Amino acid sequence: MSSLAEVAQAAGVSVSTASRVLTGSSHPISAKTRAKVIEVAEELGYSPSALARALVSRSSRLMGVLVSDIVNPYFSVIARGVDDVASRAGYVTMLCNVDRRTTTEITRVRTMRDYRAAGVIFAGSGYVDDPREPELAKAVRQAQEQGIRAVSLTARDIGCPVIAADAQAAAHDITDYLVSLGHRRIAFIEGPEGMVATRQRRDGFLACMSNADLAGSAQCLPGGFDFEAGHAATMRLIARPPLPDAIVAANDEAAVGALNALRQAGIDVPGEVSVAGIDDLRVAQFVGLTTVSLPLYEMGAMAARHIIDTPPESATGPAENTALSHRLIPRDTTARRPARAGS
């Protein structure tokens, strides 16, 4: 690989001038000199050439994907969808963990501006009545004005298109399936407190129970989107009998935690309690979990395609929403409610 000094010599400029061009310095340099340095850097294979091109064209072939929890397989599926489409088109995917913090999302959007990214994808949920959301929307708007395309994969009021499955309908439909099996006392393990995704899934569960005239037997438990949260919530249920007929968790990981807690306590699934989740991650397939399949891969792929197909000058265009369908996947953890004395 050539050095900066070799690039400068071949371009007929000083090392400091070559460095300023290739690092995007605001120091005044003629367009002719800038173009010559970039051309030579590319010919010699100097590594910052891609960044230099971005500085000149005011756009790079970089896509940022902001995820709430980088170890959660939900986001792995989305990221794979993004990267498969992006890489085929010559783009590079940058995965950024934001730990469910709006302030971190704002910082990452600004980082994408610094990198002159082609686009940024918000893969995670926001919070209900989030006081920082207007600041995030402002950061998104500033990025869009720079030509950066933004897409959200959950319903968020941040001024960009939304490509998402209807999580509320998914929770409604998995609950309705349990009701159709004869289950009446159904518990719902919620996601993280305050998140829009948690509210959507809880609202879907409660709407179904209300429509079935079962609102009085619906039980919502604080939980989370991980195995440990589902396990802990179910252990609390077990400690306060009677057990529900069925448990719905806000996602598959929490559902697997619930399944594990029940089996540790010697409770037969689905003989005594049915268990279901939402997402249809790979773990659900391994343990035979009844769930709702959300099109996570397709969401990521469509977001990447939107960024590729939308010209930078249209980044501030109308924020249209695209709703994707879900699918019920019955497996081994649910069964028809057995007849019980007095029920």
C-alpha atoms as a PDB file:
ATOM      1  CA  MET A   1       0.000   0.000   0.000  1.00  0.00           C
ATOM      2  CA  SER A   2       1.315   3.437  -0.936  1.00  0.00           C
ATOM      3  CA  SER A   3       2.134   6.036   1.686  1.00  0.00           C
ATOM      4  CA  LEU A   4       0.838   9.585   1.954  1.00  0.00           C
ATOM      5  CA  ALA A   5       4.274  10.866   0.920  1.00  0.00           C
ATOM      6  CA  GLU A   6       4.156   8.790  -2.277  1.00  0.00           C
ATOM      7  CA  VAL A   7       0.714  10.169  -3.091  1.00  0.00           C
ATOM      8  CA  ALA A   8       1.952  13.726  -2.552  1.00  0.00           C
ATOM      9  CA  GLN A   9       5.033  13.177  -4.726  1.00  0.00           C
ATOM     10  CA  ALA A  10       3.038  11.648  -7.584  1.00  0.00           C
ATOM     11  CA  ALA A  11       0.479  14.456  -7.430  1.00  0.00           C
ATOM     12  CA  GLY A  12       3.176  17.137  -7.336  1.00  0.00           C
ATOM     13  CA  VAL A  13       2.013  18.636  -4.056  1.00  0.00           C
ATOM     14  CA  SER A  14       3.323  18.829  -0.516  1.00  0.00           C
ATOM     15  CA  VAL A  15       2.537  16.132   2.026  1.00  0.00           C
ATOM     16  CA  SER A  16       0.503  18.652   4.032  1.00  0.00           C
ATOM     17  CA  THR A  17      -1.622  19.506   0.997  1.00  0.00           C
ATOM     18  CA  ALA A  18      -2.249  15.835   0.231  1.00  0.00           C
ATOM     19  CA  SER A  19      -3.198  15.257   3.863  1.00  0.00           C
ATOM     20  CA  ARG A  20      -5.642  18.172   3.856  1.00  0.00           C
ATOM     21  CA  VAL A  21      -7.362  16.845   0.750  1.00  0.00           C
ATOM     22  CA  LEU A  22      -7.634  13.299   2.044  1.00  0.00           C
ATOM     23  CA  THR A  23      -8.837  14.233   5.523  1.00  0.00           C
ATOM     24  CA  GLY A  24     -11.416  16.774   4.381  1.00  0.00           C
ATOM     25  CA  SER A  25      -9.709  19.788   5.890  1.00  0.00           C
ATOM     26  CA  SER A  26     -11.474  23.128   5.427  1.00  0.00           C
ATOM     27  CA  HIS A  27      -8.150  24.700   4.407  1.00  0.00           C
ATOM     28  CA  PRO A  28      -8.629  26.391   1.000  1.00  0.00           C
ATOM     29  CA  ILE A  29      -7.360  24.153  -1.818  1.00  0.00           C
ATOM     30  CA  SER A  30      -8.196  24.552  -5.491  1.00  0.00           C
ATOM     31  CA  ALA A  31     -10.658  22.115  -7.034  1.00  0.00           C
ATOM     32  CA  LYS A  32      -8.044  21.112  -9.611  1.00  0.00           C
ATOM     33  CA  THR A  33      -5.464  20.232  -6.942  1.00  0.00           C
ATOM     34  CA  ARG A  34      -8.059  18.401  -4.844  1.00  0.00           C
ATOM     35  CA  ALA A  35      -9.169  16.313  -7.835  1.00  0.00           C
ATOM     36  CA  LYS A  36      -5.561  15.506  -8.774  1.00  0.00           C
ATOM     37  CA  VAL A  37      -4.676  14.288  -5.268  1.00  0.00           C
ATOM     38  CA  ILE A  38      -7.778  12.087  -5.098  1.00  0.00           C
ATOM     39  CA  GLU A  39      -7.085  10.652  -8.554  1.00  0.00           C
ATOM     40  CA  VAL A  40      -3.497   9.769  -7.647  1.00  0.00           C
ATOM     41  CA  ALA A  41      -4.540   8.324  -4.267  1.00  0.00           C
ATOM     42  CA  GLU A  42      -6.979   6.023  -6.026  1.00  0.00           C
ATOM     43  CA  GLU A  43      -4.428   4.969  -8.639  1.00  0.00           C
ATOM     44  CA  LEU A  44      -1.893   4.103  -5.929  1.00  0.00           C
ATOM     45  CA  GLY A  45      -4.462   2.320  -3.746  1.00  0.00           C
ATOM     46  CA  TYR A  46      -4.103   4.732  -0.846  1.00  0.00           C
ATOM     47  CA  SER A  47      -6.641   3.570   1.770  1.00  0.00           C
ATOM     48  CA  PRO A  48      -8.425   6.857   2.573  1.00  0.00           C
ATOM     49  CA  SER A  49      -9.492   7.213  -1.059  1.00  0.00           C
ATOM     50  CA  ALA A  50     -13.051   6.093  -0.348  1.00  0.00           C
ATOM     51  CA  LEU A  51     -13.408   8.716   2.350  1.00  0.00           C
ATOM     52  CA  ALA A  52     -11.846  11.311   0.084  1.00  0.00           C
ATOM     53  CA  ARG A  53     -14.376  10.554  -2.610  1.00  0.00           C
ATOM     54  CA  ALA A  54     -17.102  10.997  -0.036  1.00  0.00           C
ATOM     55  CA  LEU A  55     -15.712  14.364   0.961  1.00  0.00           C
ATOM     56  CA  VAL A  56     -15.767  15.538  -2.640  1.00  0.00           C
ATOM     57  CA  SER A  57     -19.124  14.016  -3.640  1.00  0.00           C
ATOM     58  CA  ARG A  58     -20.621  14.878  -0.214  1.00  0.00           C
ATOM     59  CA  SER A  59     -21.842  11.289   0.123  1.00  0.00           C
ATOM     60  CA  SER A  60     -20.320   7.903   0.896  1.00  0.00           C
ATOM     61  CA  ARG A  61     -21.534   4.362   0.301  1.00  0.00           C
ATOM     62  CA  LEU A  62     -22.006   3.812   4.014  1.00  0.00           C
ATOM     63  CA  MET A  63     -25.255   2.768   5.714  1.00  0.00           C
ATOM     64  CA  GLY A  64     -25.591   3.135   9.454  1.00  0.00           C
ATOM     65  CA  VAL A  65     -27.911   0.728  11.281  1.00  0.00           C
ATOM     66  CA  LEU A  66     -28.808   1.839  14.813  1.00  0.00           C
ATOM     67  CA  VAL A  67     -29.850  -1.090  17.010  1.00  0.00           C
ATOM     68  CA  SER A  68     -31.116  -1.097  20.586  1.00  0.00           C
ATOM     69  CA  ASP A  69     -29.107  -4.139  21.675  1.00  0.00           C
ATOM     70  CA  ILE A  70     -26.381  -5.482  19.428  1.00  0.00           C
ATOM     71  CA  VAL A  71     -26.508  -8.997  20.950  1.00  0.00           C
ATOM     72  CA  ASN A  72     -30.279  -9.378  20.481  1.00  0.00           C
ATOM     73  CA  PRO A  73     -30.882 -11.775  17.551  1.00  0.00           C
ATOM     74  CA  TYR A  74     -33.898  -9.688  16.495  1.00  0.00           C
ATOM     75  CA  PHE A  75     -31.479  -7.052  15.249  1.00  0.00           C
ATOM     76  CA  SER A  76     -29.121  -9.610  13.722  1.00  0.00           C
ATOM     77  CA  VAL A  77     -31.857 -10.698  11.316  1.00  0.00           C
ATOM     78  CA  ILE A  78     -32.623  -7.091  10.379  1.00  0.00           C
ATOM     79  CA  ALA A  79     -28.931  -6.289   9.918  1.00  0.00           C
ATOM     80  CA  ARG A  80     -28.502  -9.299   7.640  1.00  0.00           C
ATOM     81  CA  GLY A  81     -31.326  -8.044   5.449  1.00  0.00           C
ATOM     82  CA  VAL A  82     -29.720  -4.606   5.258  1.00  0.00           C
ATOM     83  CA  ASP A  83     -26.242  -5.918   4.524  1.00  0.00           C
ATOM     84  CA  ASP A  84     -27.287  -8.434   1.870  1.00  0.00           C
ATOM     85  CA  VAL A  85     -28.893  -5.680  -0.205  1.00  0.00           C
ATOM     86  CA  ALA A  86     -26.266  -3.064   0.632  1.00  0.00           C
ATOM     87  CA  SER A  87     -23.240  -5.211  -0.185  1.00  0.00           C
ATOM     88  CA  ARG A  88     -24.661  -6.292  -3.543  1.00  0.00           C
ATOM     89  CA  ALA A  89     -24.959  -2.614  -4.457  1.00  0.00           C
ATOM     90  CA  GLY A  90     -21.434  -1.786  -3.287  1.00  0.00           C
ATOM     91  CA  TYR A  91     -22.404  -0.230   0.040  1.00  0.00           C
ATOM     92  CA  VAL A  92     -20.893  -0.915   3.470  1.00  0.00           C
ATOM     93  CA  THR A  93     -23.005  -1.458   6.594  1.00  0.00           C
ATOM     94  CA  MET A  94     -22.021   0.057   9.948  1.00  0.00           C
ATOM     95  CA  LEU A  95     -23.825  -1.452  12.952  1.00  0.00           C
ATOM     96  CA  CYS A  96     -24.160   0.933  15.915  1.00  0.00           C
ATOM     97  CA  ASN A  97     -25.391  -0.059  19.377  1.00  0.00           C
ATOM     98  CA  VAL A  98     -27.492   2.632  21.090  1.00  0.00           C
ATOM     99  CA  ASP A  99     -28.557   0.763  24.269  1.00  0.00           C
ATOM    100  CA  ARG A 100     -32.150   2.030  23.921  1.00  0.00           C
ATOM    101  CA  ARG A 101     -30.965   5.604  24.580  1.00  0.00           C
ATOM    102  CA  THR A 102     -32.331   8.459  22.484  1.00  0.00           C
ATOM    103  CA  THR A 103     -29.306  10.582  23.358  1.00  0.00           C
ATOM    104  CA  THR A 104     -27.034   7.925  21.861  1.00  0.00           C
ATOM    105  CA  GLU A 105     -29.186   7.812  18.729  1.00  0.00           C
ATOM    106  CA  ILE A 106     -28.745  11.565  18.349  1.00  0.00           C
ATOM    107  CA  THR A 107     -24.976  11.176  18.679  1.00  0.00           C
ATOM    108  CA  ARG A 108     -24.904   8.359  16.130  1.00  0.00           C
ATOM    109  CA  VAL A 109     -26.937  10.387  13.613  1.00  0.00           C
ATOM    110  CA  ARG A 110     -24.411  13.184  13.946  1.00  0.00           C
ATOM    111  CA  THR A 111     -21.629  10.644  13.430  1.00  0.00           C
ATOM    112  CA  MET A 112     -23.347   9.521  10.224  1.00  0.00           C
ATOM    113  CA  ARG A 113     -23.323  13.155   9.103  1.00  0.00           C
ATOM    114  CA  ASP A 114     -19.600  13.386   9.814  1.00  0.00           C
ATOM    115  CA  TYR A 115     -19.028  10.244   7.732  1.00  0.00           C
ATOM    116  CA  ARG A 116     -21.314  11.613   5.002  1.00  0.00           C
ATOM    117  CA  ALA A 117     -23.254   8.360   5.114  1.00  0.00           C
ATOM    118  CA  ALA A 118     -25.691   7.469   2.370  1.00  0.00           C
ATOM    119  CA  GLY A 119     -28.326   6.609   4.929  1.00  0.00           C
ATOM    120  CA  VAL A 120     -29.215   5.702   8.490  1.00  0.00           C
ATOM    121  CA  ILE A 121     -31.686   3.028   9.596  1.00  0.00           C
ATOM    122  CA  PHE A 122     -33.386   3.173  13.003  1.00  0.00           C
ATOM    123  CA  ALA A 123     -33.971  -0.495  13.818  1.00  0.00           C
ATOM    124  CA  GLY A 124     -35.090  -0.079  17.437  1.00  0.00           C
ATOM    125  CA  SER A 125     -38.162   1.301  19.150  1.00  0.00           C
ATOM    126  CA  GLY A 126     -38.496   4.725  20.697  1.00  0.00           C
ATOM    127  CA  TYR A 127     -40.128   5.667  23.991  1.00  0.00           C
ATOM    128  CA  VAL A 128     -43.645   6.842  24.757  1.00  0.00           C
ATOM    129  CA  ASP A 129     -43.694  10.632  25.327  1.00  0.00           C
ATOM    130  CA  ASP A 130     -39.907  10.808  24.937  1.00  0.00           C
ATOM    131  CA  PRO A 131     -38.776  14.390  25.749  1.00  0.00           C
ATOM    132  CA  ARG A 132     -35.665  13.892  23.592  1.00  0.00           C
ATOM    133  CA  GLU A 133     -37.566  12.835  20.470  1.00  0.00           C
ATOM    134  CA  PRO A 134     -37.876  16.402  19.079  1.00  0.00           C
ATOM    135  CA  GLU A 135     -34.096  16.738  19.323  1.00  0.00           C
ATOM    136  CA  LEU A 136     -33.685  13.435  17.489  1.00  0.00           C
ATOM    137  CA  ALA A 137     -36.151  14.582  14.820  1.00  0.00           C
ATOM    138  CA  LYS A 138     -34.087  17.754  14.397  1.00  0.00           C
ATOM    139  CA  ALA A 139     -30.883  15.718  13.996  1.00  0.00           C
ATOM    140  CA  VAL A 140     -32.629  13.537  11.404  1.00  0.00           C
ATOM    141  CA  ARG A 141     -33.837  16.598   9.500  1.00  0.00           C
ATOM    142  CA  GLN A 142     -30.338  18.085   9.470  1.00  0.00           C
ATOM    143  CA  ALA A 143     -28.961  14.794   8.155  1.00  0.00           C
ATOM    144  CA  GLN A 144     -31.643  14.681   5.461  1.00  0.00           C
ATOM    145  CA  GLU A 145     -30.794  18.229   4.399  1.00  0.00           C
ATOM    146  CA  GLN A 146     -27.257  16.959   3.857  1.00  0.00           C
ATOM    147  CA  GLY A 147     -28.621  14.227   1.555  1.00  0.00           C
ATOM    148  CA  ILE A 148     -28.615  11.378   4.089  1.00  0.00           C
ATOM    149  CA  ARG A 149     -31.657   9.147   3.721  1.00  0.00           C
ATOM    150  CA  ALA A 150     -33.284   7.978   6.968  1.00  0.00           C
ATOM    151  CA  VAL A 151     -35.653   5.057   7.560  1.00  0.00           C
ATOM    152  CA  SER A 152     -37.278   3.760  10.752  1.00  0.00           C
ATOM    153  CA  LEU A 153     -38.308   0.138  11.240  1.00  0.00           C
ATOM    154  CA  THR A 154     -40.756   0.994  14.033  1.00  0.00           C
ATOM    155  CA  ALA A 155     -43.461   3.653  14.285  1.00  0.00           C
ATOM    156  CA  ARG A 156     -41.639   6.812  15.373  1.00  0.00           C
ATOM    157  CA  ASP A 157     -42.387  10.493  14.918  1.00  0.00           C
ATOM    158  CA  ILE A 158     -38.929  11.559  13.750  1.00  0.00           C
ATOM    159  CA  GLY A 159     -39.712  12.724  10.227  1.00  0.00           C
ATOM    160  CA  CYS A 160     -38.640   9.760   8.127  1.00  0.00           C
ATOM    161  CA  PRO A 161     -40.332   6.878   6.274  1.00  0.00           C
ATOM    162  CA  VAL A 162     -41.389   3.854   8.327  1.00  0.00           C
ATOM    163  CA  ILE A 163     -41.102   0.264   7.094  1.00  0.00           C
ATOM    164  CA  ALA A 164     -42.543  -2.000   9.776  1.00  0.00           C
ATOM    165  CA  ALA A 165     -44.746  -4.897  10.727  1.00  0.00           C
ATOM    166  CA  ASP A 166     -47.824  -4.163  12.825  1.00  0.00           C
ATOM    167  CA  ALA A 167     -46.625  -5.316  16.250  1.00  0.00           C
ATOM    168  CA  GLN A 168     -49.970  -4.524  17.863  1.00  0.00           C
ATOM    169  CA  ALA A 169     -51.815  -6.715  15.366  1.00  0.00           C
ATOM    170  CA  ALA A 170     -49.234  -9.471  15.848  1.00  0.00           C
ATOM    171  CA  ALA A 171     -49.808  -9.483  19.622  1.00  0.00           C
ATOM    172  CA  HIS A 172     -53.563  -9.451  19.064  1.00  0.00           C
ATOM    173  CA  ASP A 173     -53.418 -12.405  16.692  1.00  0.00           C
ATOM    174  CA  ILE A 174     -51.207 -14.639  18.848  1.00  0.00           C
ATOM    175  CA  THR A 175     -53.522 -13.950  21.807  1.00  0.00           C
ATOM    176  CA  ASP A 176     -56.566 -14.678  19.661  1.00  0.00           C
ATOM    177  CA  TYR A 177     -55.026 -18.016  18.717  1.00  0.00           C
ATOM    178  CA  LEU A 178     -54.706 -18.926  22.401  1.00  0.00           C
ATOM    179  CA  VAL A 179     -58.309 -17.880  23.003  1.00  0.00           C
ATOM    180  CA  SER A 180     -59.371 -20.100  20.095  1.00  0.00           C
ATOM    181  CA  LEU A 181     -57.722 -23.021  21.912  1.00  0.00           C
ATOM    182  CA  GLY A 182     -60.025 -22.430  24.865  1.00  0.00           C
ATOM    183  CA  HIS A 183     -57.608 -20.510  27.104  1.00  0.00           C
ATOM    184  CA  ARG A 184     -59.270 -17.897  29.294  1.00  0.00           C
ATOM    185  CA  ARG A 185     -56.758 -16.809  31.936  1.00  0.00           C
ATOM    186  CA  ILE A 186     -53.851 -15.470  29.898  1.00  0.00           C
ATOM    187  CA  ALA A 187     -50.801 -13.608  31.199  1.00  0.00           C
ATOM    188  CA  PHE A 188     -48.721 -11.208  29.105  1.00  0.00           C
ATOM    189  CA  ILE A 189     -45.022 -10.595  29.840  1.00  0.00           C
ATOM    190  CA  GLU A 190     -44.292  -7.034  28.778  1.00  0.00           C
ATOM    191  CA  GLY A 191     -41.177  -5.633  27.139  1.00  0.00           C
ATOM    192  CA  PRO A 192     -38.985  -2.878  28.638  1.00  0.00           C
ATOM    193  CA  GLU A 193     -40.964  -0.205  30.466  1.00  0.00           C
ATOM    194  CA  GLY A 194     -41.903   2.892  28.496  1.00  0.00           C
ATOM    195  CA  MET A 195     -40.984   1.658  25.032  1.00  0.00           C
ATOM    196  CA  VAL A 196     -43.379   2.155  22.121  1.00  0.00           C
ATOM    197  CA  ALA A 197     -42.868  -1.494  21.119  1.00  0.00           C
ATOM    198  CA  THR A 198     -43.924  -2.579  24.610  1.00  0.00           C
ATOM    199  CA  ARG A 199     -47.076  -0.469  24.477  1.00  0.00           C
ATOM    200  CA  GLN A 200     -47.992  -1.708  20.993  1.00  0.00           C
ATOM    201  CA  ARG A 201     -47.710  -5.367  21.942  1.00  0.00           C
ATOM    202  CA  ARG A 202     -49.463  -4.919  25.280  1.00  0.00           C
ATOM    203  CA  ASP A 203     -52.287  -2.984  23.601  1.00  0.00           C
ATOM    204  CA  GLY A 204     -52.734  -5.777  21.066  1.00  0.00           C
ATOM    205  CA  PHE A 205     -52.965  -8.352  23.849  1.00  0.00           C
ATOM    206  CA  LEU A 206     -55.450  -6.303  25.878  1.00  0.00           C
ATOM    207  CA  ALA A 207     -57.577  -5.490  22.829  1.00  0.00           C
ATOM    208  CA  CYS A 208     -57.938  -9.170  22.021  1.00  0.00           C
ATOM    209  CA  MET A 209     -58.815 -10.067  25.609  1.00  0.00           C
ATOM    210  CA  SER A 210     -61.398  -7.274  25.703  1.00  0.00           C
ATOM    211  CA  ASN A 211     -62.938  -8.328  22.388  1.00  0.00           C
ATOM    212  CA  ALA A 212     -63.255 -11.878  23.753  1.00  0.00           C
ATOM    213  CA  ASP A 213     -64.923 -10.593  26.971  1.00  0.00           C
ATOM    214  CA  LEU A 214     -61.880 -11.786  28.919  1.00  0.00           C
ATOM    215  CA  ALA A 215     -60.523  -8.428  30.113  1.00  0.00           C
ATOM    216  CA  GLY A 216     -61.082  -9.441  33.732  1.00  0.00           C
ATOM    217  CA  SER A 217     -58.803 -12.463  33.400  1.00  0.00           C
ATOM    218  CA  ALA A 218     -55.989 -10.681  31.540  1.00  0.00           C
ATOM    219  CA  GLN A 219     -52.779 -10.222  33.503  1.00  0.00           C
ATOM    220  CA  CYS A 220     -49.853  -7.997  32.461  1.00  0.00           C
ATOM    221  CA  LEU A 221     -46.459  -8.522  34.086  1.00  0.00           C
ATOM    222  CA  PRO A 222     -43.385  -6.261  33.974  1.00  0.00           C
ATOM    223  CA  GLY A 223     -40.672  -7.968  31.967  1.00  0.00           C
ATOM    224  CA  GLY A 224     -38.237  -7.260  29.159  1.00  0.00           C
ATOM    225  CA  PHE A 225     -36.982  -8.471  25.814  1.00  0.00           C
ATOM    226  CA  ASP A 226     -34.457 -11.012  27.099  1.00  0.00           C
ATOM    227  CA  PHE A 227     -34.401 -14.567  28.436  1.00  0.00           C
ATOM    228  CA  GLU A 228     -33.748 -13.464  32.013  1.00  0.00           C
ATOM    229  CA  ALA A 229     -36.741 -11.098  32.088  1.00  0.00           C
ATOM    230  CA  GLY A 230     -39.109 -13.791  30.830  1.00  0.00           C
ATOM    231  CA  HIS A 231     -37.755 -16.300  33.330  1.00  0.00           C
ATOM    232  CA  ALA A 232     -38.051 -13.896  36.279  1.00  0.00           C
ATOM    233  CA  ALA A 233     -41.598 -12.816  35.383  1.00  0.00           C
ATOM    234  CA  THR A 234     -42.720 -16.436  35.110  1.00  0.00           C
ATOM    235  CA  MET A 235     -41.136 -17.360  38.429  1.00  0.00           C
ATOM    236  CA  ARG A 236     -43.252 -14.605  40.001  1.00  0.00           C
ATOM    237  CA  LEU A 237     -46.336 -16.117  38.377  1.00  0.00           C
ATOM    238  CA  ILE A 238     -45.480 -19.577  39.678  1.00  0.00           C
ATOM    239  CA  ALA A 239     -45.071 -18.186  43.199  1.00  0.00           C
ATOM    240  CA  ARG A 240     -48.616 -16.748  43.134  1.00  0.00           C
ATOM    241  CA  PRO A 241     -51.044 -19.516  42.102  1.00  0.00           C
ATOM    242  CA  PRO A 242     -53.303 -20.251  40.397  1.00  0.00           C
ATOM    243  CA  LEU A 243     -51.320 -20.466  37.195  1.00  0.00           C
ATOM    244  CA  PRO A 244     -52.758 -18.896  34.044  1.00  0.00           C
ATOM    245  CA  ASP A 245     -53.933 -21.119  31.216  1.00  0.00           C
ATOM    246  CA  ALA A 246     -51.388 -19.549  28.884  1.00  0.00           C
ATOM    247  CA  ILE A 247     -48.528 -17.048  28.741  1.00  0.00           C
ATOM    248  CA  VAL A 248     -47.756 -14.676  25.883  1.00  0.00           C
ATOM    249  CA  ALA A 249     -44.373 -12.951  25.993  1.00  0.00           C
ATOM    250  CA  ALA A 250     -43.604  -9.707  24.165  1.00  0.00           C
ATOM    251  CA  ASN A 251     -40.890 -11.474  22.173  1.00  0.00           C
ATOM    252  CA  ASP A 252     -39.425 -14.926  21.619  1.00  0.00           C
ATOM    253  CA  GLU A 253     -36.447 -14.566  23.957  1.00  0.00           C
ATOM    254  CA  ALA A 254     -38.684 -13.720  26.909  1.00  0.00           C
ATOM    255  CA  ALA A 255     -41.012 -16.568  25.910  1.00  0.00           C
ATOM    256  CA  VAL A 256     -38.117 -19.038  25.994  1.00  0.00           C
ATOM    257  CA  GLY A 257     -37.254 -17.709  29.461  1.00  0.00           C
ATOM    258  CA  ALA A 258     -40.856 -18.367  30.521  1.00  0.00           C
ATOM    259  CA  LEU A 259     -40.727 -21.846  29.031  1.00  0.00           C
ATOM    260  CA  ASN A 260     -37.545 -22.612  30.937  1.00  0.00           C
ATOM    261  CA  ALA A 261     -38.990 -21.389  34.258  1.00  0.00           C
ATOM    262  CA  LEU A 262     -42.105 -23.537  33.874  1.00  0.00           C
ATOM    263  CA  ARG A 263     -40.135 -26.644  33.041  1.00  0.00           C
ATOM    264  CA  GLN A 264     -37.731 -26.050  35.933  1.00  0.00           C
ATOM    265  CA  ALA A 265     -40.772 -25.951  38.222  1.00  0.00           C
ATOM    266  CA  GLY A 266     -42.034 -29.251  36.820  1.00  0.00           C
ATOM    267  CA  ILE A 267     -44.994 -27.640  35.052  1.00  0.00           C
ATOM    268  CA  ASP A 268     -45.941 -29.354  31.818  1.00  0.00           C
ATOM    269  CA  VAL A 269     -45.908 -27.226  28.660  1.00  0.00           C
ATOM    270  CA  PRO A 270     -48.328 -27.269  26.930  1.00  0.00           C
ATOM    271  CA  GLY A 271     -50.255 -29.769  29.075  1.00  0.00           C
ATOM    272  CA  GLU A 272     -50.772 -27.368  31.976  1.00  0.00           C
ATOM    273  CA  VAL A 273     -49.733 -23.996  30.543  1.00  0.00           C
ATOM    274  CA  SER A 274     -49.355 -22.949  26.908  1.00  0.00           C
ATOM    275  CA  VAL A 275     -46.567 -20.504  25.977  1.00  0.00           C
ATOM    276  CA  ALA A 276     -46.247 -18.254  22.925  1.00  0.00           C
ATOM    277  CA  GLY A 277     -43.955 -15.474  21.730  1.00  0.00           C
ATOM    278  CA  ILE A 278     -43.609 -12.876  18.983  1.00  0.00           C
ATOM    279  CA  ASP A 279     -40.890 -12.525  16.271  1.00  0.00           C
ATOM    280  CA  ASP A 280     -40.083 -16.111  15.113  1.00  0.00           C
ATOM    281  CA  LEU A 281     -36.360 -15.932  15.780  1.00  0.00           C
ATOM    282  CA  ARG A 282     -34.178 -18.990  15.254  1.00  0.00           C
ATOM    283  CA  VAL A 283     -34.413 -19.921  18.942  1.00  0.00           C
ATOM    284  CA  ALA A 284     -38.186 -20.282  18.536  1.00  0.00           C
ATOM    285  CA  GLN A 285     -37.665 -22.853  15.819  1.00  0.00           C
ATOM    286  CA  PHE A 286     -35.180 -24.810  17.950  1.00  0.00           C
ATOM    287  CA  VAL A 287     -37.480 -25.133  20.982  1.00  0.00           C
ATOM    288  CA  GLY A 288     -40.734 -25.551  19.045  1.00  0.00           C
ATOM    289  CA  LEU A 289     -42.185 -22.245  20.283  1.00  0.00           C
ATOM    290  CA  THR A 290     -45.541 -21.098  18.960  1.00  0.00           C
ATOM    291  CA  THR A 291     -45.071 -17.535  17.780  1.00  0.00           C
ATOM    292  CA  VAL A 292     -45.889 -14.857  15.225  1.00  0.00           C
ATOM    293  CA  SER A 293     -43.374 -14.463  12.418  1.00  0.00           C
ATOM    294  CA  LEU A 294     -42.437 -10.835  11.747  1.00  0.00           C
ATOM    295  CA  PRO A 295     -40.687 -10.089   8.411  1.00  0.00           C
ATOM    296  CA  LEU A 296     -37.495  -8.799  10.032  1.00  0.00           C
ATOM    297  CA  TYR A 297     -35.158  -9.714   7.172  1.00  0.00           C
ATOM    298  CA  GLU A 298     -37.505  -8.114   4.650  1.00  0.00           C
ATOM    299  CA  MET A 299     -37.733  -4.950   6.768  1.00  0.00           C
ATOM    300  CA  GLY A 300     -33.948  -4.578   6.711  1.00  0.00           C
ATOM    301  CA  ALA A 301     -33.716  -5.370   3.005  1.00  0.00           C
ATOM    302  CA  MET A 302     -36.447  -2.883   2.101  1.00  0.00           C
ATOM    303  CA  ALA A 303     -34.822  -0.165   4.213  1.00  0.00           C
ATOM    304  CA  ALA A 304     -31.505  -0.651   2.420  1.00  0.00           C
ATOM    305  CA  ARG A 305     -33.243  -0.633  -0.960  1.00  0.00           C
ATOM    306  CA  HIS A 306     -35.017   2.614  -0.053  1.00  0.00           C
ATOM    307  CA  ILE A 307     -31.701   4.277   0.751  1.00  0.00           C
ATOM    308  CA  ILE A 308     -30.101   3.044  -2.473  1.00  0.00           C
ATOM    309  CA  ASP A 309     -33.059   4.023  -4.665  1.00  0.00           C
ATOM    310  CA  THR A 310     -33.763   7.443  -3.122  1.00  0.00           C
ATOM    311  CA  PRO A 311     -31.628  10.257  -4.585  1.00  0.00           C
ATOM    312  CA  PRO A 312     -29.869  12.411  -1.958  1.00  0.00           C
ATOM    313  CA  GLU A 313     -31.829  15.455  -3.092  1.00  0.00           C
ATOM    314  CA  SER A 314     -35.057  13.597  -2.213  1.00  0.00           C
ATOM    315  CA  ALA A 315     -33.955  12.711   1.334  1.00  0.00           C
ATOM    316  CA  THR A 316     -36.317  15.333   2.763  1.00  0.00           C
ATOM    317  CA  GLY A 317     -39.305  13.983   0.809  1.00  0.00           C
ATOM    318  CA  PRO A 318     -42.631  12.809   2.292  1.00  0.00           C
ATOM    319  CA  ALA A 319     -42.324  10.362   5.199  1.00  0.00           C
ATOM    320  CA  GLU A 320     -44.438   7.520   3.833  1.00  0.00           C
ATOM    321  CA  ASN A 321     -45.235   4.394   5.853  1.00  0.00           C
ATOM    322  CA  THR A 322     -45.046   0.809   4.581  1.00  0.00           C
ATOM    323  CA  ALA A 323     -46.851  -1.893   6.588  1.00  0.00           C
ATOM    324  CA  LEU A 324     -45.694  -5.500   6.233  1.00  0.00           C
ATOM    325  CA  SER A 325     -47.744  -8.566   7.128  1.00  0.00           C
ATOM    326  CA  HIS A 326     -47.057 -11.172   9.826  1.00  0.00           C
ATOM    327  CA  ARG A 327     -47.768 -14.888  10.059  1.00  0.00           C
ATOM    328  CA  LEU A 328     -48.974 -17.148  12.883  1.00  0.00           C
ATOM    329  CA  ILE A 329     -46.623 -20.113  13.442  1.00  0.00           C
ATOM    330  CA  PRO A 330     -48.230 -22.791  15.681  1.00  0.00           C
ATOM    331  CA  ARG A 331     -45.679 -25.195  17.163  1.00  0.00           C
ATOM    332  CA  ASP A 332     -45.293 -27.470  20.193  1.00  0.00           C
ATOM    333  CA  THR A 333     -45.679 -25.085  23.157  1.00  0.00           C
ATOM    334  CA  THR A 334     -49.416 -24.515  22.764  1.00  0.00           C
ATOM    335  CA  ALA A 335     -52.353 -26.909  22.943  1.00  0.00           C
ATOM    336  CA  ARG A 336     -56.074 -26.871  23.473  1.00  0.00           C
ATOM    337  CA  ARG A 337     -56.996 -26.104  27.080  1.00  0.00           C
ATOM    338  CA  PRO A 338     -57.902 -29.309  28.911  1.00  0.00           C
ATOM    339  CA  ALA A 339     -61.293 -29.512  30.596  1.00  0.00           C
ATOM    340  CA  ARG A 340     -61.018 -28.607  34.295  1.00  0.00           C
ATOM    341  CA  ALA A 341     -63.421 -29.160  37.140  1.00  0.00           C
ATOM    342  CA  GLY A 342     -65.588 -26.111  37.702  1.00  0.00           C
ATOM    343  CA  SER A 343     -64.431 -24.358  34.546  1.00  0.00           C
END
